[in-house]
Each structure stands twice: as structure tokens, then as C-alpha cells.
Amino acid sequence: MAEIEIRDLVKTYHGASYRATDAVSLTVADGEFVVLVGPSGCGKTTLLRMVAGLELPDSGTVAIGGRDVTGLPARRRNVSMVFQSYAIFPHMKVRTNIGFGLAMRGTPKAEIETRVKRAADVLELTDYLDRYPAQLSGGQRQRVAVARAIVVDAEVLLMDEPLSNLDALLRLQFRAELKRIVGRLGATTLYVTHDQAEAMSLGDRVAVMRSGRIAQIGPPVDVYDRPTERFVGGFLGAPPMNFVPATVTRDGHLAIGEQSLAAPATLKGFAGREILLGVRAENINVGAGADSGGRLTATVEVVEPTGAAMLLTVRLAGHEVKVQAPASFRTEPDSVVRLDCPPESLRYYDAESGMALVA
């Protein structure tokens, strides 16, 4: 068993004036792939480094496989780490790079060779074992770094933005490879990224961090579809979730400027309050022209063809809203369009705290 249990981890810097992590608690089940995602400075890398033993917490505990490792150095935690940079030795051939960690542990040469060949097979590096890093592509070098991490059969695999140095196309290709590799290994994995697409596609669960805390954690689809606070909805998604101020009226409507939508019964207790109406761009149905069927009317400001779809920036009651239309949809700036928001796709948030009002 290689379950990771993080309990109330606090890490401060600058004389305790800055909290990199603020009483973070998280459990990663045996064999689970959990992704920490969030903006720069939110504490995700600091949290990963405390699990690795590269940083010691001010308070709190880290347990791996039921063993408290909080005070142990990195070499005694039986974890492997893949860094943002490849961190492979340019003067060593691929086979030597992959087996370096085993050699440092005094592993017999025959066993090192067996393990290196096995890791190379998993990562499709067998044909490159006798090459130097300079003779490899960026994706191949990153595979070497991953191979070196998995060859030691560590209980836990830790990854700190391992794809960030790759170009966009290579990152997309290697992301799929990495998911296949980790799934095949069944390793308990904690992965850090600021790239939401990586987080959504790789993780069994995604933990969105903000200001040293976990704002929300859950399966990627759940976190994306039902953000528990405005920050999460505004961080995940390209484009991010739209948030439009609305007032809950006493006759059961949501007033958006001079327009309105029917309000769900669950908002009855918020009559007279201003809230935020959250909706994803892809959940808004758009049509040309205005009508009197209860749909919202907006004015087109920007039209962006993206190939598979048309991204519109529209002005609704003085607020900018992103709408994803079919690629075949035709409109121009200053045109009037109607917006239909299915009730099941709407989310509601407190205007001040940004927290979800209705699940």
C-alpha cells in the first residue's frame, strides 16, 4: 500500500509572514493519480516538495503507506520525483541515466540492467539506450526522466510540471503517453501543474489550490461542471466560466439588467439579493436576432473562429460574456443575438464571498 496522507501541513516563509501552505489536508489513495492545479504561488509545488522530503513543514504530518515520514530525509521516503527540467546528465548515455539512481543505491549491475531494460520497454526507449541526451528530442528526454523515476520501484511518483518545457504539440502527445504509462504502472501519483488541460485530462481527481489552500477537490468533470466557488469556475476552463450579476426578484425571477430569467425554487430565500449567475460558454445556445420567447438578448463584440467552434464575445446588460457557437454560425460585431441558457447548466454564487449558493 502506498497511500499518501497529508494532514494540516503548514509552511511559512519570510519570518512566518507568508504562508505557502495553510493547514492543507489531502489523501491520495493507493494507485490513485491526483493532480494539484492552480495559479503560480498558490502552494502546489511547496506541498509536493514537503511530500518528497525536500522541504520540512512548520507543522502537520505526511504519511506514506501508513508510515509517518514527516521528519525523514528524501532518500528514506521511497519516493521518485520528476522535475520541470529534464535533469538528466548530458555526458551519460540513456541507459546510464536511467539506472543512475539504482547505482547510487548499490544495486547489483545485473539487476540494474534488467530494470533499465524493463523501464525502457515501458517508455519505448529501447532503441535509444546507447544514445546521449543531445541526440534525443525533447519528448524523448522527458521520457528518460520518467524512466529514471519509475525504475527504482518507489512507492510514490511525484511530478512537478514535467511537461512545461515541451512545445504545445509535443506536450499534447506526451500527455497521452504519460497517462498510459502511469496507468500501466499503477503507481500512486501526485502531479503538479498550472495547466488546466493537463489537470483535467490526467487526474483521477483534481485539487484546485488557491492561496495555500485546497479550494475544491474531486473528479475532473465534477470540479469543472460544479465549481464550489467563483475562483474555481474562473480558473478552470478555456474560456473560463462566465459570471453575470443578477438580482433575485420576489416574483421568482433573476433580473439581469432589464432582462430576466426564471429563478429556481431553491433561490426563493435569496429574494432581493444580488447574486452571480455562472454559466459555461459551451452551455449557452445562441441564435441570430432577438425574440420574445424569454431568452436573453446580447450584442456581439468580437467573433473568433477557432476551427471546431466559433467563440463569441457578447455584451449582456453591460457585462462581457463568452459564448461558444457552432463553427457554421454566422454573425458580425454589433449584431444582436439571443442566448438560451438551459436551467440545468446554470450555477449560482454569492456576490460577495463567491461561494456556491445552490448545489
Protein backbone atom coordinates (compact mmCIF):
# COMPACT_ATOMS: atom_id res chain seq x y z
CA MET A 1 0.00 0.00 0.00
CA ALA A 2 1.30 3.47 -0.91
CA GLU A 3 -1.44 5.79 0.27
CA ILE A 4 -0.34 9.38 0.90
CA GLU A 5 -1.89 11.07 3.91
CA ILE A 6 -1.26 14.79 4.32
CA ARG A 7 -2.62 16.35 7.49
CA ASP A 8 -2.75 20.08 8.31
CA LEU A 9 0.54 20.94 6.59
CA VAL A 10 1.71 24.49 7.26
CA LYS A 11 4.76 26.00 5.61
CA THR A 12 5.75 29.62 6.12
CA TYR A 13 8.46 31.87 4.75
CA HIS A 14 9.77 35.38 5.43
CA GLY A 15 9.60 35.08 9.18
CA ALA A 16 6.18 33.40 9.13
CA SER A 17 4.66 36.43 7.36
CA TYR A 18 3.88 34.36 4.26
CA ARG A 19 2.03 31.03 4.37
CA ALA A 20 2.89 28.94 1.34
CA THR A 21 0.54 26.20 2.58
CA ASP A 22 -2.15 26.87 5.14
CA ALA A 23 -3.19 23.72 7.03
CA VAL A 24 -3.56 21.61 3.89
CA SER A 25 -5.02 18.12 4.26
CA LEU A 26 -5.21 15.61 1.42
CA THR A 27 -5.37 11.83 0.99
CA VAL A 28 -4.16 10.14 -2.19
CA ALA A 29 -5.35 6.54 -2.33
CA ASP A 30 -3.07 3.66 -3.29
CA GLY A 31 -2.65 3.71 -7.07
CA GLU A 32 -4.55 6.97 -7.48
CA PHE A 33 -3.44 9.82 -9.76
CA VAL A 34 -4.16 13.19 -8.13
CA VAL A 35 -3.30 16.50 -9.79
CA LEU A 36 -2.61 19.72 -7.90
CA VAL A 37 -3.51 22.67 -10.11
CA GLY A 38 -3.62 26.39 -9.50
CA PRO A 39 -2.01 29.72 -10.36
CA SER A 40 1.64 30.49 -9.67
CA GLY A 41 2.32 30.98 -5.97
CA CYS A 42 -0.69 29.02 -4.73
CA GLY A 43 1.48 26.49 -2.83
CA LYS A 44 1.20 23.40 -5.02
CA THR A 45 4.94 22.89 -5.58
CA THR A 46 5.70 23.59 -1.91
CA LEU A 47 3.18 20.90 -0.95
CA LEU A 48 4.77 18.43 -3.37
CA ARG A 49 8.25 19.17 -2.06
CA MET A 50 7.10 18.52 1.53
CA VAL A 51 5.77 15.12 0.44
CA ALA A 52 9.12 14.45 -1.25
CA GLY A 53 11.11 15.50 1.80
CA LEU A 54 12.81 18.40 0.03
CA GLU A 55 11.06 20.84 2.39
CA LEU A 56 10.09 20.32 6.02
CA PRO A 57 6.74 21.66 7.26
CA ASP A 58 6.38 24.05 10.18
CA SER A 59 3.56 21.84 11.42
CA GLY A 60 1.40 18.96 10.24
CA THR A 61 2.27 15.44 9.11
CA VAL A 62 2.98 13.41 5.98
CA ALA A 63 2.43 9.64 5.95
CA ILE A 64 3.19 7.25 3.09
CA GLY A 65 1.84 3.73 3.25
CA GLY A 66 0.78 4.30 6.85
CA ARG A 67 4.32 5.31 7.89
CA ASP A 68 4.91 8.80 9.28
CA VAL A 69 7.70 10.27 7.14
CA THR A 70 7.36 13.92 8.21
CA GLY A 71 10.86 14.17 9.64
CA LEU A 72 12.62 11.75 7.29
CA PRO A 73 15.02 12.94 4.57
CA ALA A 74 14.03 12.41 0.94
CA ARG A 75 16.29 9.36 0.47
CA ARG A 76 14.40 7.43 3.18
CA ARG A 77 10.88 8.08 1.89
CA ASN A 78 10.95 5.70 -1.09
CA VAL A 79 9.56 8.27 -3.49
CA SER A 80 10.62 9.20 -7.03
CA MET A 81 10.36 12.69 -8.46
CA VAL A 82 10.25 14.08 -11.98
CA PHE A 83 11.15 17.75 -12.17
CA GLN A 84 10.16 20.55 -14.52
CA SER A 85 13.58 20.42 -16.18
CA TYR A 86 14.75 17.08 -17.56
CA ALA A 87 17.64 16.98 -15.05
CA ILE A 88 19.38 14.20 -16.97
CA PHE A 89 23.16 14.02 -17.28
CA PRO A 90 24.34 15.16 -20.74
CA HIS A 91 27.61 13.17 -20.55
CA MET A 92 25.86 9.86 -19.79
CA LYS A 93 24.09 7.59 -22.24
CA VAL A 94 20.38 6.94 -21.80
CA ARG A 95 20.89 3.55 -20.11
CA THR A 96 23.28 5.09 -17.57
CA ASN A 97 20.92 7.98 -16.90
CA ILE A 98 18.00 5.65 -16.28
CA GLY A 99 19.99 3.40 -13.96
CA PHE A 100 21.78 6.17 -12.08
CA GLY A 101 19.50 6.07 -9.03
CA LEU A 102 19.85 2.31 -8.74
CA ALA A 103 23.64 2.58 -8.99
CA MET A 104 23.69 5.12 -6.16
CA ARG A 105 21.77 2.61 -4.03
CA GLY A 106 24.38 -0.07 -4.66
CA THR A 107 22.09 -2.28 -6.73
CA PRO A 108 23.91 -5.14 -8.47
CA LYS A 109 24.78 -4.43 -12.13
CA ALA A 110 22.76 -7.37 -13.47
CA GLU A 111 19.64 -6.17 -11.67
CA ILE A 112 20.21 -2.59 -12.88
CA GLU A 113 20.40 -3.82 -16.46
CA THR A 114 17.19 -5.82 -16.06
CA ARG A 115 15.29 -2.91 -14.55
CA VAL A 116 16.61 -0.41 -17.09
CA LYS A 117 15.50 -2.63 -19.98
CA ARG A 118 12.07 -3.04 -18.40
CA ALA A 119 11.64 0.71 -17.91
CA ALA A 120 12.93 1.42 -21.42
CA ASP A 121 10.38 -1.01 -22.82
CA VAL A 122 7.52 0.68 -20.96
CA LEU A 123 8.60 4.11 -22.21
CA GLU A 124 9.56 2.99 -25.72
CA LEU A 125 13.22 3.91 -25.24
CA THR A 126 14.82 0.58 -26.06
CA ASP A 127 16.23 1.83 -29.38
CA TYR A 128 17.79 4.86 -27.69
CA LEU A 129 19.63 3.28 -24.75
CA ASP A 130 23.06 3.88 -26.28
CA ARG A 131 22.42 7.48 -27.30
CA TYR A 132 23.35 10.64 -25.44
CA PRO A 133 20.64 13.17 -24.41
CA ALA A 134 21.80 15.62 -27.11
CA GLN A 135 20.78 13.01 -29.70
CA LEU A 136 17.19 12.88 -28.40
CA SER A 137 14.11 15.04 -28.94
CA GLY A 138 12.53 16.95 -26.07
CA GLY A 139 9.83 14.31 -25.62
CA GLN A 140 12.39 11.51 -25.59
CA ARG A 141 14.45 13.31 -22.95
CA GLN A 142 11.38 13.71 -20.80
CA ARG A 143 10.68 10.01 -21.16
CA VAL A 144 14.21 9.32 -19.93
CA ALA A 145 13.48 11.42 -16.83
CA VAL A 146 10.27 9.46 -16.21
CA ALA A 147 12.07 6.15 -16.76
CA ARG A 148 14.70 7.09 -14.18
CA ALA A 149 11.88 7.83 -11.71
CA ILE A 150 9.98 4.58 -12.20
CA VAL A 151 12.99 2.24 -12.43
CA VAL A 152 13.63 2.37 -8.68
CA ASP A 153 10.16 0.89 -7.93
CA ALA A 154 9.33 3.67 -5.48
CA GLU A 155 6.03 3.61 -3.61
CA VAL A 156 5.11 7.10 -4.78
CA LEU A 157 5.69 9.02 -8.01
CA LEU A 158 5.86 12.82 -7.68
CA MET A 159 5.84 15.08 -10.74
CA ASP A 160 6.43 18.84 -10.77
CA GLU A 161 5.23 20.32 -14.09
CA PRO A 162 7.16 17.74 -16.15
CA LEU A 163 5.64 18.84 -19.47
CA SER A 164 6.05 22.60 -19.20
CA ASN A 165 9.29 22.69 -21.22
CA LEU A 166 7.74 20.94 -24.22
CA ASP A 167 6.10 22.75 -27.13
CA ALA A 168 2.31 22.64 -27.43
CA LEU A 169 2.02 19.70 -29.85
CA LEU A 170 4.65 17.60 -28.08
CA ARG A 171 3.01 18.35 -24.73
CA LEU A 172 -0.29 17.04 -26.07
CA GLN A 173 1.32 13.86 -27.39
CA PHE A 174 3.37 13.15 -24.28
CA ARG A 175 0.39 13.85 -22.01
CA ALA A 176 -1.41 10.88 -23.53
CA GLU A 177 1.74 8.75 -23.22
CA LEU A 178 2.19 9.72 -19.58
CA LYS A 179 -1.39 8.78 -18.73
CA ARG A 180 -0.89 5.38 -20.36
CA ILE A 181 2.43 4.81 -18.61
CA VAL A 182 1.21 5.72 -15.13
CA GLY A 183 -1.95 3.69 -15.62
CA ARG A 184 0.12 0.68 -16.61
CA LEU A 185 2.38 1.08 -13.58
CA GLY A 186 -0.47 1.59 -11.13
CA ALA A 187 1.75 3.96 -9.17
CA THR A 188 0.39 6.35 -6.53
CA THR A 189 0.99 9.67 -8.24
CA LEU A 190 0.87 13.30 -7.13
CA TYR A 191 1.26 15.68 -10.06
CA VAL A 192 1.67 19.46 -10.06
CA THR A 193 0.72 21.71 -12.96
CA HIS A 194 -0.62 25.17 -13.71
CA ASP A 195 -2.06 23.87 -17.00
CA GLN A 196 -5.74 23.14 -16.51
CA ALA A 197 -5.92 20.97 -19.65
CA GLU A 198 -3.26 18.67 -18.16
CA ALA A 199 -5.09 18.59 -14.85
CA MET A 200 -8.44 17.72 -16.43
CA SER A 201 -7.06 15.04 -18.74
CA LEU A 202 -4.60 13.29 -16.42
CA GLY A 203 -6.03 13.12 -12.93
CA ASP A 204 -8.40 10.65 -11.31
CA ARG A 205 -9.07 13.62 -9.04
CA VAL A 206 -8.12 17.27 -9.35
CA ALA A 207 -7.31 19.52 -6.37
CA VAL A 208 -7.58 23.21 -7.24
CA MET A 209 -5.35 25.28 -4.95
CA ARG A 210 -5.61 28.93 -4.03
CA SER A 211 -3.51 30.96 -1.57
CA GLY A 212 -2.06 27.90 0.15
CA ARG A 213 -5.36 26.03 0.50
CA ILE A 214 -7.29 23.45 -1.50
CA ALA A 215 -10.34 25.29 -2.81
CA GLN A 216 -12.00 22.18 -4.26
CA ILE A 217 -11.12 18.56 -4.93
CA GLY A 218 -12.97 15.90 -6.87
CA PRO A 219 -13.20 14.06 -10.21
CA PRO A 220 -12.25 16.45 -13.05
CA VAL A 221 -15.71 16.52 -14.62
CA ASP A 222 -17.39 17.28 -11.28
CA VAL A 223 -14.97 20.10 -10.42
CA TYR A 224 -15.39 21.59 -13.89
CA ASP A 225 -19.17 21.27 -14.02
CA ARG A 226 -19.98 22.27 -10.44
CA PRO A 227 -17.37 24.67 -9.04
CA THR A 228 -17.96 25.25 -5.35
CA GLU A 229 -16.70 28.81 -5.60
CA ARG A 230 -16.20 31.50 -8.20
CA PHE A 231 -12.42 31.14 -8.16
CA VAL A 232 -12.58 27.50 -9.30
CA GLY A 233 -15.02 28.25 -12.12
CA GLY A 234 -12.92 31.21 -13.18
CA PHE A 235 -9.69 29.22 -13.18
CA LEU A 236 -10.80 26.02 -14.93
CA GLY A 237 -11.98 26.26 -18.49
CA ALA A 238 -10.88 27.95 -21.70
CA PRO A 239 -12.67 30.28 -21.74
CA PRO A 240 -13.41 30.31 -18.00
CA MET A 241 -16.93 30.26 -16.63
CA ASN A 242 -18.97 33.43 -17.20
CA PHE A 243 -20.21 35.27 -14.11
CA VAL A 244 -23.03 37.76 -14.57
CA PRO A 245 -24.57 39.83 -11.72
CA ALA A 246 -28.28 39.18 -11.28
CA THR A 247 -30.90 40.10 -8.69
CA VAL A 248 -33.34 37.54 -7.30
CA THR A 249 -36.79 39.13 -7.55
CA ARG A 250 -39.71 38.41 -5.26
CA ASP A 251 -41.79 37.08 -8.13
CA GLY A 252 -39.30 34.25 -8.78
CA HIS A 253 -37.07 35.67 -11.49
CA LEU A 254 -33.43 36.60 -11.99
CA ALA A 255 -33.19 40.20 -13.15
CA ILE A 256 -30.20 40.80 -15.44
CA GLY A 257 -30.33 44.48 -16.29
CA GLU A 258 -33.73 44.98 -17.89
CA GLN A 259 -33.99 41.31 -18.86
CA SER A 260 -34.87 38.30 -16.75
CA LEU A 261 -34.78 34.54 -16.44
CA ALA A 262 -36.89 32.22 -14.32
CA ALA A 263 -35.21 31.54 -10.97
CA PRO A 264 -35.14 28.04 -9.45
CA ALA A 265 -37.25 27.46 -6.35
CA THR A 266 -34.06 26.90 -4.35
CA LEU A 267 -33.27 30.62 -4.65
CA LYS A 268 -36.56 31.70 -3.06
CA GLY A 269 -34.83 32.55 0.21
CA PHE A 270 -32.50 34.98 -1.58
CA ALA A 271 -35.22 37.33 -2.84
CA GLY A 272 -33.94 40.89 -3.05
CA ARG A 273 -30.26 39.85 -3.06
CA GLU A 274 -27.73 40.31 -5.82
CA ILE A 275 -26.01 37.07 -6.80
CA LEU A 276 -23.69 35.89 -9.55
CA LEU A 277 -25.07 33.74 -12.33
CA GLY A 278 -22.41 31.27 -13.56
CA VAL A 279 -22.59 29.54 -16.94
CA ARG A 280 -20.03 27.92 -19.24
CA ALA A 281 -19.58 29.25 -22.78
CA GLU A 282 -20.42 25.86 -24.30
CA ASN A 283 -23.69 25.65 -22.35
CA ILE A 284 -25.17 28.77 -23.94
CA ASN A 285 -27.25 28.17 -27.05
CA VAL A 286 -27.00 31.10 -29.43
CA GLY A 287 -29.29 32.20 -32.24
CA ALA A 288 -29.41 35.15 -34.62
CA GLY A 289 -31.69 38.07 -33.72
CA ALA A 290 -33.88 38.75 -30.70
CA ASP A 291 -37.26 37.23 -29.89
CA SER A 292 -39.91 37.39 -27.19
CA GLY A 293 -39.57 33.81 -26.00
CA GLY A 294 -37.96 34.62 -22.68
CA ARG A 295 -34.43 34.31 -23.99
CA LEU A 296 -31.74 36.85 -23.23
CA THR A 297 -30.58 39.32 -25.85
CA ALA A 298 -26.95 40.41 -26.27
CA THR A 299 -24.81 42.36 -28.71
CA VAL A 300 -21.85 40.75 -30.44
CA GLU A 301 -18.50 42.47 -29.85
CA VAL A 302 -15.87 40.01 -31.10
CA VAL A 303 -16.05 36.95 -33.36
CA GLU A 304 -13.19 34.42 -33.10
CA PRO A 305 -13.19 31.36 -35.40
CA THR A 306 -11.32 28.55 -33.63
CA GLY A 307 -11.77 25.82 -36.23
CA ALA A 308 -14.03 23.41 -34.36
CA ALA A 309 -16.23 26.20 -32.99
CA MET A 310 -16.90 29.93 -33.07
CA LEU A 311 -16.06 31.87 -29.90
CA LEU A 312 -18.16 34.99 -29.46
CA THR A 313 -17.64 37.80 -27.01
CA VAL A 314 -21.03 39.42 -26.41
CA ARG A 315 -22.24 42.28 -24.24
CA LEU A 316 -25.13 41.30 -21.94
CA ALA A 317 -26.60 44.01 -19.71
CA GLY A 318 -23.25 45.79 -19.71
CA HIS A 319 -21.24 42.66 -18.93
CA GLU A 320 -18.89 40.70 -21.17
CA VAL A 321 -19.91 37.09 -21.79
CA LYS A 322 -18.12 34.37 -23.77
CA VAL A 323 -20.30 32.12 -25.92
CA GLN A 324 -19.24 29.05 -27.87
CA ALA A 325 -21.24 28.75 -31.07
CA PRO A 326 -21.14 26.09 -33.81
CA ALA A 327 -18.45 26.65 -36.45
CA SER A 328 -21.22 27.16 -39.01
CA PHE A 329 -22.81 30.02 -37.04
CA ARG A 330 -22.55 33.33 -38.86
CA THR A 331 -22.66 36.73 -37.18
CA GLU A 332 -20.75 40.01 -37.12
CA PRO A 333 -19.76 42.60 -34.50
CA ASP A 334 -22.67 44.85 -33.45
CA SER A 335 -25.19 42.16 -34.41
CA VAL A 336 -27.91 41.21 -31.93
CA VAL A 337 -28.11 37.57 -30.85
CA ARG A 338 -30.36 35.65 -28.49
CA LEU A 339 -28.95 33.50 -25.73
CA ASP A 340 -30.72 30.47 -24.32
CA CYS A 341 -29.29 29.14 -21.04
CA PRO A 342 -30.72 25.73 -20.06
CA PRO A 343 -31.62 25.86 -16.33
CA GLU A 344 -29.60 22.71 -15.56
CA SER A 345 -26.43 24.40 -16.80
CA LEU A 346 -26.71 27.46 -14.53
CA ARG A 347 -24.76 27.83 -11.28
CA TYR A 348 -25.37 30.42 -8.57
CA TYR A 349 -22.84 32.19 -6.33
CA ASP A 350 -22.86 34.70 -3.52
CA ALA A 351 -21.87 38.10 -4.95
CA GLU A 352 -19.57 38.91 -2.01
CA SER A 353 -17.92 35.65 -0.97
CA GLY A 354 -18.05 33.94 -4.36
CA MET A 355 -19.21 30.68 -2.75
CA ALA A 356 -21.83 28.48 -4.41
CA LEU A 357 -25.39 29.05 -3.22
CA VAL A 358 -27.11 26.07 -4.80
CA ALA A 359 -25.53 22.69 -5.49
